[in-house]
PDB file of all heavy atoms in Angstrom:
ATOM      1  N   THR A   1     174.863 112.766 136.356  1.00  0.00           N
ATOM      2  CA  THR A   1     175.980 113.692 136.564  1.00  0.00           C
ATOM      3  C   THR A   1     175.578 114.834 137.485  1.00  0.00           C
ATOM      4  O   THR A   1     174.397 115.162 137.630  1.00  0.00           O
ATOM      5  CB  THR A   1     176.487 114.279 135.251  1.00  0.00           C
ATOM      6  OG1 THR A   1     175.428 115.047 134.645  1.00  0.00           O
ATOM      7  CG2 THR A   1     176.960 113.225 134.305  1.00  0.00           C
ATOM      8  N   ASN A   2     176.585 115.456 138.101  1.00  0.00           N
ATOM      9  CA  ASN A   2     176.425 116.680 138.835  1.00  0.00           C
ATOM     10  C   ASN A   2     177.106 117.798 138.053  1.00  0.00           C
ATOM     11  O   ASN A   2     178.262 117.647 137.642  1.00  0.00           O
ATOM     12  CB  ASN A   2     177.048 116.551 140.224  1.00  0.00           C
ATOM     13  CG  ASN A   2     176.410 115.477 141.042  1.00  0.00           C
ATOM     14  OD1 ASN A   2     175.189 115.426 141.206  1.00  0.00           O
ATOM     15  ND2 ASN A   2     177.221 114.546 141.545  1.00  0.00           N
ATOM     16  N   VAL A   3     176.389 118.875 137.839  1.00  0.00           N
ATOM     17  CA  VAL A   3     176.854 119.945 136.963  1.00  0.00           C
ATOM     18  C   VAL A   3     177.011 121.240 137.758  1.00  0.00           C
ATOM     19  O   VAL A   3     176.126 121.606 138.542  1.00  0.00           O
ATOM     20  CB  VAL A   3     175.855 120.158 135.787  1.00  0.00           C
ATOM     21  CG1 VAL A   3     176.307 121.305 134.902  1.00  0.00           C
ATOM     22  CG2 VAL A   3     175.697 118.866 134.991  1.00  0.00           C
ATOM     23  N   LEU A   4     178.114 121.934 137.532  1.00  0.00           N
ATOM     24  CA  LEU A   4     178.331 123.267 138.107  1.00  0.00           C
ATOM     25  C   LEU A   4     178.152 124.306 137.000  1.00  0.00           C
ATOM     26  O   LEU A   4     178.800 124.226 135.957  1.00  0.00           O
ATOM     27  CB  LEU A   4     179.748 123.370 138.727  1.00  0.00           C
ATOM     28  CG  LEU A   4     180.190 124.791 139.108  1.00  0.00           C
ATOM     29  CD1 LEU A   4     179.280 125.387 140.180  1.00  0.00           C
ATOM     30  CD2 LEU A   4     181.652 124.771 139.553  1.00  0.00           C
ATOM     31  N   VAL A   5     177.285 125.286 137.235  1.00  0.00           N
ATOM     32  CA  VAL A   5     177.070 126.402 136.297  1.00  0.00           C
ATOM     33  C   VAL A   5     177.437 127.686 137.010  1.00  0.00           C
ATOM     34  O   VAL A   5     176.814 128.044 138.039  1.00  0.00           O
ATOM     35  CB  VAL A   5     175.597 126.455 135.824  1.00  0.00           C
ATOM     36  CG1 VAL A   5     175.383 127.690 134.939  1.00  0.00           C
ATOM     37  CG2 VAL A   5     175.231 125.195 135.065  1.00  0.00           C
ATOM     38  N   THR A   6     178.446 128.385 136.525  1.00  0.00           N
ATOM     39  CA  THR A   6     178.731 129.709 137.036  1.00  0.00           C
ATOM     40  C   THR A   6     177.994 130.736 136.177  1.00  0.00           C
ATOM     41  O   THR A   6     177.709 130.491 135.008  1.00  0.00           O
ATOM     42  CB  THR A   6     180.252 130.033 137.009  1.00  0.00           C
ATOM     43  OG1 THR A   6     180.681 130.178 135.636  1.00  0.00           O
ATOM     44  CG2 THR A   6     181.048 128.933 137.690  1.00  0.00           C
ATOM     45  N   GLY A   7     177.640 131.856 136.773  1.00  0.00           N
ATOM     46  CA  GLY A   7     176.855 132.850 136.043  1.00  0.00           C
ATOM     47  C   GLY A   7     175.423 132.445 135.860  1.00  0.00           C
ATOM     48  O   GLY A   7     174.762 132.845 134.901  1.00  0.00           O
ATOM     49  N   GLY A   8     174.903 131.649 136.770  1.00  0.00           N
ATOM     50  CA  GLY A   8     173.550 131.094 136.649  1.00  0.00           C
ATOM     51  C   GLY A   8     172.453 132.138 136.765  1.00  0.00           C
ATOM     52  O   GLY A   8     171.317 131.862 136.351  1.00  0.00           O
ATOM     53  N   THR A   9     172.739 133.303 137.323  1.00  0.00           N
ATOM     54  CA  THR A   9     171.736 134.356 137.401  1.00  0.00           C
ATOM     55  C   THR A   9     171.779 135.298 136.219  1.00  0.00           C
ATOM     56  O   THR A   9     170.985 136.202 136.118  1.00  0.00           O
ATOM     57  CB  THR A   9     171.910 135.183 138.698  1.00  0.00           C
ATOM     58  OG1 THR A   9     173.220 135.757 138.703  1.00  0.00           O
ATOM     59  CG2 THR A   9     171.737 134.320 139.941  1.00  0.00           C
ATOM     60  N   GLY A  10     172.720 135.079 135.307  1.00  0.00           N
ATOM     61  CA  GLY A  10     172.843 135.902 134.109  1.00  0.00           C
ATOM     62  C   GLY A  10     171.916 135.403 133.009  1.00  0.00           C
ATOM     63  O   GLY A  10     171.266 134.375 133.127  1.00  0.00           O
ATOM     64  N   PHE A  11     171.901 136.127 131.917  1.00  0.00           N
ATOM     65  CA  PHE A  11     171.017 135.818 130.773  1.00  0.00           C
ATOM     66  C   PHE A  11     171.291 134.407 130.223  1.00  0.00           C
ATOM     67  O   PHE A  11     170.397 133.566 130.196  1.00  0.00           O
ATOM     68  CB  PHE A  11     171.211 136.868 129.686  1.00  0.00           C
ATOM     69  CG  PHE A  11     170.482 136.602 128.399  1.00  0.00           C
ATOM     70  CD1 PHE A  11     169.110 136.385 128.430  1.00  0.00           C
ATOM     71  CD2 PHE A  11     171.126 136.585 127.182  1.00  0.00           C
ATOM     72  CE1 PHE A  11     168.385 136.145 127.257  1.00  0.00           C
ATOM     73  CE2 PHE A  11     170.442 136.347 126.025  1.00  0.00           C
ATOM     74  CZ  PHE A  11     169.063 136.126 126.046  1.00  0.00           C
ATOM     75  N   LEU A  12     172.535 134.130 129.843  1.00  0.00           N
ATOM     76  CA  LEU A  12     172.853 132.815 129.320  1.00  0.00           C
ATOM     77  C   LEU A  12     172.775 131.760 130.412  1.00  0.00           C
ATOM     78  O   LEU A  12     172.370 130.618 130.136  1.00  0.00           O
ATOM     79  CB  LEU A  12     174.254 132.817 128.692  1.00  0.00           C
ATOM     80  CG  LEU A  12     174.383 133.546 127.330  1.00  0.00           C
ATOM     81  CD1 LEU A  12     175.840 133.461 126.846  1.00  0.00           C
ATOM     82  CD2 LEU A  12     173.460 132.921 126.283  1.00  0.00           C
ATOM     83  N   GLY A  13     173.153 132.125 131.621  1.00  0.00           N
ATOM     84  CA  GLY A  13     173.117 131.158 132.732  1.00  0.00           C
ATOM     85  C   GLY A  13     171.729 130.623 132.996  1.00  0.00           C
ATOM     86  O   GLY A  13     171.535 129.422 133.224  1.00  0.00           O
ATOM     87  N   LYS A  14     170.759 131.504 133.010  1.00  0.00           N
ATOM     88  CA  LYS A  14     169.342 131.087 133.212  1.00  0.00           C
ATOM     89  C   LYS A  14     168.928 130.104 132.118  1.00  0.00           C
ATOM     90  O   LYS A  14     168.339 129.059 132.394  1.00  0.00           O
ATOM     91  CB  LYS A  14     168.429 132.306 133.179  1.00  0.00           C
ATOM     92  CG  LYS A  14     168.432 133.173 134.425  1.00  0.00           C
ATOM     93  CD  LYS A  14     167.434 134.308 134.273  1.00  0.00           C
ATOM     94  CE  LYS A  14     167.254 135.112 135.554  1.00  0.00           C
ATOM     95  NZ  LYS A  14     168.414 135.955 135.891  1.00  0.00           N
ATOM     96  N   LEU A  15     169.214 130.449 130.872  1.00  0.00           N
ATOM     97  CA  LEU A  15     168.827 129.609 129.750  1.00  0.00           C
ATOM     98  C   LEU A  15     169.540 128.263 129.800  1.00  0.00           C
ATOM     99  O   LEU A  15     168.946 127.221 129.453  1.00  0.00           O
ATOM    100  CB  LEU A  15     169.126 130.326 128.419  1.00  0.00           C
ATOM    101  CG  LEU A  15     168.227 131.531 128.114  1.00  0.00           C
ATOM    102  CD1 LEU A  15     168.787 132.312 126.924  1.00  0.00           C
ATOM    103  CD2 LEU A  15     166.795 131.090 127.827  1.00  0.00           C
ATOM    104  N   LEU A  16     170.790 128.273 130.204  1.00  0.00           N
ATOM    105  CA  LEU A  16     171.562 127.028 130.281  1.00  0.00           C
ATOM    106  C   LEU A  16     170.987 126.087 131.313  1.00  0.00           C
ATOM    107  O   LEU A  16     170.807 124.877 131.044  1.00  0.00           O
ATOM    108  CB  LEU A  16     173.020 127.372 130.589  1.00  0.00           C
ATOM    109  CG  LEU A  16     173.972 126.194 130.764  1.00  0.00           C
ATOM    110  CD1 LEU A  16     173.988 125.305 129.537  1.00  0.00           C
ATOM    111  CD2 LEU A  16     175.391 126.698 131.069  1.00  0.00           C
ATOM    112  N   ILE A  17     170.711 126.600 132.502  1.00  0.00           N
ATOM    113  CA  ILE A  17     170.139 125.764 133.561  1.00  0.00           C
ATOM    114  C   ILE A  17     168.778 125.219 133.133  1.00  0.00           C
ATOM    115  O   ILE A  17     168.474 124.035 133.320  1.00  0.00           O
ATOM    116  CB  ILE A  17     170.043 126.553 134.891  1.00  0.00           C
ATOM    117  CG1 ILE A  17     171.436 126.822 135.445  1.00  0.00           C
ATOM    118  CG2 ILE A  17     169.173 125.820 135.915  1.00  0.00           C
ATOM    119  CD1 ILE A  17     171.452 127.760 136.635  1.00  0.00           C
ATOM    120  N   GLU A  18     167.938 126.065 132.568  1.00  0.00           N
ATOM    121  CA  GLU A  18     166.617 125.653 132.130  1.00  0.00           C
ATOM    122  C   GLU A  18     166.713 124.536 131.087  1.00  0.00           C
ATOM    123  O   GLU A  18     166.006 123.533 131.162  1.00  0.00           O
ATOM    124  CB  GLU A  18     165.865 126.862 131.561  1.00  0.00           C
ATOM    125  CG  GLU A  18     164.385 126.644 131.323  1.00  0.00           C
ATOM    126  CD  GLU A  18     164.060 125.898 130.039  1.00  0.00           C
ATOM    127  OE1 GLU A  18     164.915 125.915 129.128  1.00  0.00           O
ATOM    128  OE2 GLU A  18     162.971 125.339 129.932  1.00  0.00           O
ATOM    129  N   LYS A  19     167.595 124.726 130.115  1.00  0.00           N
ATOM    130  CA  LYS A  19     167.721 123.722 129.034  1.00  0.00           C
ATOM    131  C   LYS A  19     168.256 122.394 129.561  1.00  0.00           C
ATOM    132  O   LYS A  19     167.780 121.325 129.152  1.00  0.00           O
ATOM    133  CB  LYS A  19     168.669 124.279 127.972  1.00  0.00           C
ATOM    134  CG  LYS A  19     168.964 123.342 126.819  1.00  0.00           C
ATOM    135  CD  LYS A  19     167.938 123.469 125.725  1.00  0.00           C
ATOM    136  CE  LYS A  19     168.356 122.684 124.487  1.00  0.00           C
ATOM    137  NZ  LYS A  19     167.433 122.827 123.381  1.00  0.00           N
ATOM    138  N   LEU A  20     169.232 122.452 130.444  1.00  0.00           N
ATOM    139  CA  LEU A  20     169.756 121.209 131.013  1.00  0.00           C
ATOM    140  C   LEU A  20     168.700 120.438 131.771  1.00  0.00           C
ATOM    141  O   LEU A  20     168.550 119.233 131.606  1.00  0.00           O
ATOM    142  CB  LEU A  20     170.945 121.544 131.957  1.00  0.00           C
ATOM    143  CG  LEU A  20     172.271 121.943 131.298  1.00  0.00           C
ATOM    144  CD1 LEU A  20     173.216 122.488 132.363  1.00  0.00           C
ATOM    145  CD2 LEU A  20     172.889 120.744 130.547  1.00  0.00           C
ATOM    146  N   LEU A  21     167.919 121.136 132.580  1.00  0.00           N
ATOM    147  CA  LEU A  21     166.873 120.472 133.384  1.00  0.00           C
ATOM    148  C   LEU A  21     165.749 119.929 132.469  1.00  0.00           C
ATOM    149  O   LEU A  21     165.192 118.865 132.757  1.00  0.00           O
ATOM    150  CB  LEU A  21     166.282 121.448 134.383  1.00  0.00           C
ATOM    151  CG  LEU A  21     167.212 121.857 135.538  1.00  0.00           C
ATOM    152  CD1 LEU A  21     166.549 122.945 136.373  1.00  0.00           C
ATOM    153  CD2 LEU A  21     167.544 120.645 136.418  1.00  0.00           C
ATOM    154  N   ARG A  22     165.451 120.631 131.426  1.00  0.00           N
ATOM    155  CA  ARG A  22     164.307 120.245 130.565  1.00  0.00           C
ATOM    156  C   ARG A  22     164.666 119.114 129.612  1.00  0.00           C
ATOM    157  O   ARG A  22     163.824 118.275 129.308  1.00  0.00           O
ATOM    158  CB  ARG A  22     163.831 121.464 129.790  1.00  0.00           C
ATOM    159  CG  ARG A  22     162.644 121.225 128.856  1.00  0.00           C
ATOM    160  CD  ARG A  22     161.983 122.520 128.427  1.00  0.00           C
ATOM    161  NE  ARG A  22     162.928 123.511 127.988  1.00  0.00           N
ATOM    162  CZ  ARG A  22     163.435 123.583 126.751  1.00  0.00           C
ATOM    163  NH1 ARG A  22     163.086 122.688 125.834  1.00  0.00           N
ATOM    164  NH2 ARG A  22     164.302 124.524 126.435  1.00  0.00           N
ATOM    165  N   THR A  23     165.899 119.074 129.142  1.00  0.00           N
ATOM    166  CA  THR A  23     166.264 118.094 128.099  1.00  0.00           C
ATOM    167  C   THR A  23     167.092 116.930 128.619  1.00  0.00           C
ATOM    168  O   THR A  23     167.169 115.900 127.943  1.00  0.00           O
ATOM    169  CB  THR A  23     167.028 118.788 126.963  1.00  0.00           C
ATOM    170  OG1 THR A  23     168.237 119.364 127.480  1.00  0.00           O
ATOM    171  CG2 THR A  23     166.174 119.868 126.304  1.00  0.00           C
ATOM    172  N   CYS A  24     167.724 117.122 129.754  1.00  0.00           N
ATOM    173  CA  CYS A  24     168.560 116.039 130.324  1.00  0.00           C
ATOM    174  C   CYS A  24     168.001 115.651 131.681  1.00  0.00           C
ATOM    175  O   CYS A  24     168.524 116.023 132.732  1.00  0.00           O
ATOM    176  CB  CYS A  24     170.003 116.518 130.438  1.00  0.00           C
ATOM    177  SG  CYS A  24     170.736 117.099 128.900  1.00  0.00           S
ATOM    178  N   SER A  25     166.910 114.931 131.635  1.00  0.00           N
ATOM    179  CA  SER A  25     166.093 114.676 132.850  1.00  0.00           C
ATOM    180  C   SER A  25     166.789 113.847 133.892  1.00  0.00           C
ATOM    181  O   SER A  25     166.393 113.839 135.066  1.00  0.00           O
ATOM    182  CB  SER A  25     164.773 114.006 132.455  1.00  0.00           C
ATOM    183  OG  SER A  25     165.035 112.809 131.746  1.00  0.00           O
ATOM    184  N   ASP A  26     167.847 113.141 133.523  1.00  0.00           N
ATOM    185  CA  ASP A  26     168.529 112.262 134.474  1.00  0.00           C
ATOM    186  C   ASP A  26     169.733 112.928 135.154  1.00  0.00           C
ATOM    187  O   ASP A  26     170.523 112.257 135.847  1.00  0.00           O
ATOM    188  CB  ASP A  26     168.976 110.953 133.803  1.00  0.00           C
ATOM    189  CG  ASP A  26     167.757 110.083 133.471  1.00  0.00           C
ATOM    190  OD1 ASP A  26     166.785 110.126 134.218  1.00  0.00           O
ATOM    191  OD2 ASP A  26     167.828 109.359 132.434  1.00  0.00           O
ATOM    192  N   ILE A  27     169.890 114.229 134.940  1.00  0.00           N
ATOM    193  CA  ILE A  27     170.899 114.955 135.714  1.00  0.00           C
ATOM    194  C   ILE A  27     170.569 114.826 137.199  1.00  0.00           C
ATOM    195  O   ILE A  27     169.396 114.962 137.583  1.00  0.00           O
ATOM    196  CB  ILE A  27     170.953 116.434 135.304  1.00  0.00           C
ATOM    197  CG1 ILE A  27     171.752 116.608 134.008  1.00  0.00           C
ATOM    198  CG2 ILE A  27     171.554 117.323 136.378  1.00  0.00           C
ATOM    199  CD1 ILE A  27     171.875 118.033 133.515  1.00  0.00           C
ATOM    200  N   VAL A  28     171.564 114.586 138.027  1.00  0.00           N
ATOM    201  CA  VAL A  28     171.326 114.426 139.469  1.00  0.00           C
ATOM    202  C   VAL A  28     171.083 115.783 140.106  1.00  0.00           C
ATOM    203  O   VAL A  28     170.069 116.008 140.789  1.00  0.00           O
ATOM    204  CB  VAL A  28     172.498 113.710 140.147  1.00  0.00           C
ATOM    205  CG1 VAL A  28     172.264 113.611 141.667  1.00  0.00           C
ATOM    206  CG2 VAL A  28     172.684 112.304 139.548  1.00  0.00           C
ATOM    207  N   ARG A  29     172.028 116.723 139.901  1.00  0.00           N
ATOM    208  CA  ARG A  29     171.870 118.068 140.470  1.00  0.00           C
ATOM    209  C   ARG A  29     172.675 119.070 139.688  1.00  0.00           C
ATOM    210  O   ARG A  29     173.636 118.704 138.973  1.00  0.00           O
ATOM    211  CB  ARG A  29     172.277 118.091 141.953  1.00  0.00           C
ATOM    212  CG  ARG A  29     173.728 117.863 142.244  1.00  0.00           C
ATOM    213  CD  ARG A  29     174.002 117.925 143.749  1.00  0.00           C
ATOM    214  NE  ARG A  29     173.258 116.888 144.467  1.00  0.00           N
ATOM    215  CZ  ARG A  29     173.699 115.659 144.663  1.00  0.00           C
ATOM    216  NH1 ARG A  29     174.860 115.280 144.170  1.00  0.00           N
ATOM    217  NH2 ARG A  29     172.984 114.797 145.342  1.00  0.00           N
ATOM    218  N   ILE A  30     172.277 120.328 139.825  1.00  0.00           N
ATOM    219  CA  ILE A  30     173.024 121.429 139.228  1.00  0.00           C
ATOM    220  C   ILE A  30     173.409 122.388 140.337  1.00  0.00           C
ATOM    221  O   ILE A  30     172.564 122.904 141.083  1.00  0.00           O
ATOM    222  CB  ILE A  30     172.172 122.182 138.187  1.00  0.00           C
ATOM    223  CG1 ILE A  30     171.881 121.256 136.976  1.00  0.00           C
ATOM    224  CG2 ILE A  30     172.884 123.458 137.704  1.00  0.00           C
ATOM    225  CD1 ILE A  30     171.023 121.909 135.914  1.00  0.00           C
ATOM    226  N   TYR A  31     174.710 122.605 140.495  1.00  0.00           N
ATOM    227  CA  TYR A  31     175.212 123.559 141.474  1.00  0.00           C
ATOM    228  C   TYR A  31     175.232 124.961 140.826  1.00  0.00           C
ATOM    229  O   TYR A  31     175.624 125.124 139.671  1.00  0.00           O
ATOM    230  CB  TYR A  31     176.624 123.194 141.908  1.00  0.00           C
ATOM    231  CG  TYR A  31     176.699 121.907 142.679  1.00  0.00           C
ATOM    232  CD1 TYR A  31     177.413 120.817 142.140  1.00  0.00           C
ATOM    233  CD2 TYR A  31     176.095 121.744 143.902  1.00  0.00           C
ATOM    234  CE1 TYR A  31     177.503 119.603 142.840  1.00  0.00           C
ATOM    235  CE2 TYR A  31     176.190 120.545 144.600  1.00  0.00           C
ATOM    236  CZ  TYR A  31     176.899 119.491 144.064  1.00  0.00           C
ATOM    237  OH  TYR A  31     176.981 118.307 144.759  1.00  0.00           O
ATOM    238  N   MET A  32     174.853 125.940 141.624  1.00  0.00           N
ATOM    239  CA  MET A  32     174.749 127.297 141.101  1.00  0.00           C
ATOM    240  C   MET A  32     175.328 128.239 142.163  1.00  0.00           C
ATOM    241  O   MET A  32     174.881 128.258 143.311  1.00  0.00           O
ATOM    242  CB  MET A  32     173.266 127.625 140.847  1.00  0.00           C
ATOM    243  CG  MET A  32     172.973 128.998 140.340  1.00  0.00           C
ATOM    244  SD  MET A  32     171.175 129.112 140.039  1.00  0.00           S
ATOM    245  CE  MET A  32     171.022 130.898 139.878  1.00  0.00           C
ATOM    246  N   ILE A  33     176.352 129.025 141.764  1.00  0.00           N
ATOM    247  CA  ILE A  33     176.998 129.940 142.710  1.00  0.00           C
ATOM    248  C   ILE A  33     176.326 131.290 142.614  1.00  0.00           C
ATOM    249  O   ILE A  33     176.206 131.888 141.552  1.00  0.00           O
ATOM    250  CB  ILE A  33     178.484 130.072 142.394  1.00  0.00           C
ATOM    251  CG1 ILE A  33     179.182 128.699 142.482  1.00  0.00           C
ATOM    252  CG2 ILE A  33     179.160 131.053 143.358  1.00  0.00           C
ATOM    253  CD1 ILE A  33     180.640 128.701 142.068  1.00  0.00           C
ATOM    254  N   VAL A  34     175.851 131.800 143.761  1.00  0.00           N
ATOM    255  CA  VAL A  34     175.103 133.066 143.793  1.00  0.00           C
ATOM    256  C   VAL A  34     175.710 133.965 144.870  1.00  0.00           C
ATOM    257  O   VAL A  34     176.087 133.490 145.942  1.00  0.00           O
ATOM    258  CB  VAL A  34     173.621 132.824 144.119  1.00  0.00           C
ATOM    259  CG1 VAL A  34     172.840 134.152 144.065  1.00  0.00           C
ATOM    260  CG2 VAL A  34     173.010 131.820 143.144  1.00  0.00           C
ATOM    261  N   ARG A  35     175.810 135.269 144.581  1.00  0.00           N
ATOM    262  CA  ARG A  35     176.337 136.223 145.545  1.00  0.00           C
ATOM    263  C   ARG A  35     175.235 137.166 146.039  1.00  0.00           C
ATOM    264  O   ARG A  35     174.251 137.400 145.323  1.00  0.00           O
ATOM    265  CB  ARG A  35     177.465 137.046 144.934  1.00  0.00           C
ATOM    266  CG  ARG A  35     176.989 138.013 143.827  1.00  0.00           C
ATOM    267  CD  ARG A  35     178.190 138.696 143.222  1.00  0.00           C
ATOM    268  NE  ARG A  35     177.824 139.504 142.060  1.00  0.00           N
ATOM    269  CZ  ARG A  35     177.684 140.803 142.061  1.00  0.00           C
ATOM    270  NH1 ARG A  35     177.837 141.474 143.208  1.00  0.00           N
ATOM    271  NH2 ARG A  35     177.385 141.463 140.968  1.00  0.00           N
ATOM    272  N   PRO A  36     175.362 137.684 147.256  1.00  0.00           N
ATOM    273  CA  PRO A  36     174.465 138.744 147.714  1.00  0.00           C
ATOM    274  C   PRO A  36     174.650 139.964 146.810  1.00  0.00           C
ATOM    275  O   PRO A  36     175.744 140.241 146.334  1.00  0.00           O
ATOM    276  CB  PRO A  36     174.910 139.021 149.142  1.00  0.00           C
ATOM    277  CG  PRO A  36     175.766 137.871 149.529  1.00  0.00           C
ATOM    278  CD  PRO A  36     176.387 137.352 148.276  1.00  0.00           C
ATOM    279  N   LYS A  37     173.558 140.738 146.607  1.00  0.00           N
ATOM    280  CA  LYS A  37     173.667 141.901 145.721  1.00  0.00           C
ATOM    281  C   LYS A  37     172.531 142.850 146.003  1.00  0.00           C
ATOM    282  O   LYS A  37     171.385 142.454 146.161  1.00  0.00           O
ATOM    283  CB  LYS A  37     173.622 141.431 144.235  1.00  0.00           C
ATOM    284  CG  LYS A  37     173.830 142.541 143.239  1.00  0.00           C
ATOM    285  CD  LYS A  37     173.777 141.962 141.814  1.00  0.00           C
ATOM    286  CE  LYS A  37     173.934 143.044 140.776  1.00  0.00           C
ATOM    287  NZ  LYS A  37     173.864 142.468 139.381  1.00  0.00           N
ATOM    288  N   LYS A  38     172.876 144.131 146.040  1.00  0.00           N
ATOM    289  CA  LYS A  38     171.905 145.226 146.173  1.00  0.00           C
ATOM    290  C   LYS A  38     170.941 144.999 147.347  1.00  0.00           C
ATOM    291  O   LYS A  38     169.725 145.113 147.196  1.00  0.00           O
ATOM    292  CB  LYS A  38     171.114 145.403 144.864  1.00  0.00           C
ATOM    293  CG  LYS A  38     171.975 145.871 143.715  1.00  0.00           C
ATOM    294  CD  LYS A  38     171.160 146.038 142.416  1.00  0.00           C
ATOM    295  CE  LYS A  38     172.056 146.510 141.288  1.00  0.00           C
ATOM    296  NZ  LYS A  38     171.292 146.664 140.020  1.00  0.00           N
ATOM    297  N   GLY A  39     171.515 144.644 148.476  1.00  0.00           N
ATOM    298  CA  GLY A  39     170.705 144.480 149.683  1.00  0.00           C
ATOM    299  C   GLY A  39     169.959 143.165 149.776  1.00  0.00           C
ATOM    300  O   GLY A  39     169.219 142.945 150.758  1.00  0.00           O
ATOM    301  N   LYS A  40     170.098 142.307 148.794  1.00  0.00           N
ATOM    302  CA  LYS A  40     169.436 140.990 148.814  1.00  0.00           C
ATOM    303  C   LYS A  40     170.438 139.893 149.128  1.00  0.00           C
ATOM    304  O   LYS A  40     171.573 139.922 148.633  1.00  0.00           O
ATOM    305  CB  LYS A  40     168.751 140.725 147.480  1.00  0.00           C
ATOM    306  CG  LYS A  40     167.604 141.670 147.145  1.00  0.00           C
ATOM    307  CD  LYS A  40     166.982 141.322 145.819  1.00  0.00           C
ATOM    308  CE  LYS A  40     165.802 142.273 145.515  1.00  0.00           C
ATOM    309  NZ  LYS A  40     165.185 141.983 144.199  1.00  0.00           N
ATOM    310  N   THR A  41     170.015 138.942 149.914  1.00  0.00           N
ATOM    311  CA  THR A  41     170.875 137.806 150.223  1.00  0.00           C
ATOM    312  C   THR A  41     171.008 136.901 149.003  1.00  0.00           C
ATOM    313  O   THR A  41     170.216 136.982 148.055  1.00  0.00           O
ATOM    314  CB  THR A  41     170.320 136.996 151.413  1.00  0.00           C
ATOM    315  OG1 THR A  41     169.071 136.372 150.982  1.00  0.00           O
ATOM    316  CG2 THR A  41     170.063 137.880 152.615  1.00  0.00           C
ATOM    317  N   ALA A  42     171.991 136.023 149.064  1.00  0.00           N
ATOM    318  CA  ALA A  42     172.170 135.082 147.965  1.00  0.00           C
ATOM    319  C   ALA A  42     170.952 134.195 147.822  1.00  0.00           C
ATOM    320  O   ALA A  42     170.522 133.892 146.695  1.00  0.00           O
ATOM    321  CB  ALA A  42     173.415 134.221 148.221  1.00  0.00           C
ATOM    322  N   LEU A  43     170.362 133.788 148.937  1.00  0.00           N
ATOM    323  CA  LEU A  43     169.160 132.917 148.880  1.00  0.00           C
ATOM    324  C   LEU A  43     167.969 133.638 148.273  1.00  0.00           C
ATOM    325  O   LEU A  43     167.234 133.062 147.477  1.00  0.00           O
ATOM    326  CB  LEU A  43     168.815 132.431 150.279  1.00  0.00           C
ATOM    327  CG  LEU A  43     167.638 131.461 150.381  1.00  0.00           C
ATOM    328  CD1 LEU A  43     167.901 130.223 149.540  1.00  0.00           C
ATOM    329  CD2 LEU A  43     167.361 131.075 151.839  1.00  0.00           C
TER     330      LEU A  43
END
């Protein structure tokens, strides 16, 4: 599956992405939406 996680840079978002990758090893990809903030680019 391909999974979209919004809020991936937040507290729960980080834990959610980590848990999905660690326990569901056959996930194809996880999409993560990130915005520029405080002078830093999204990348």
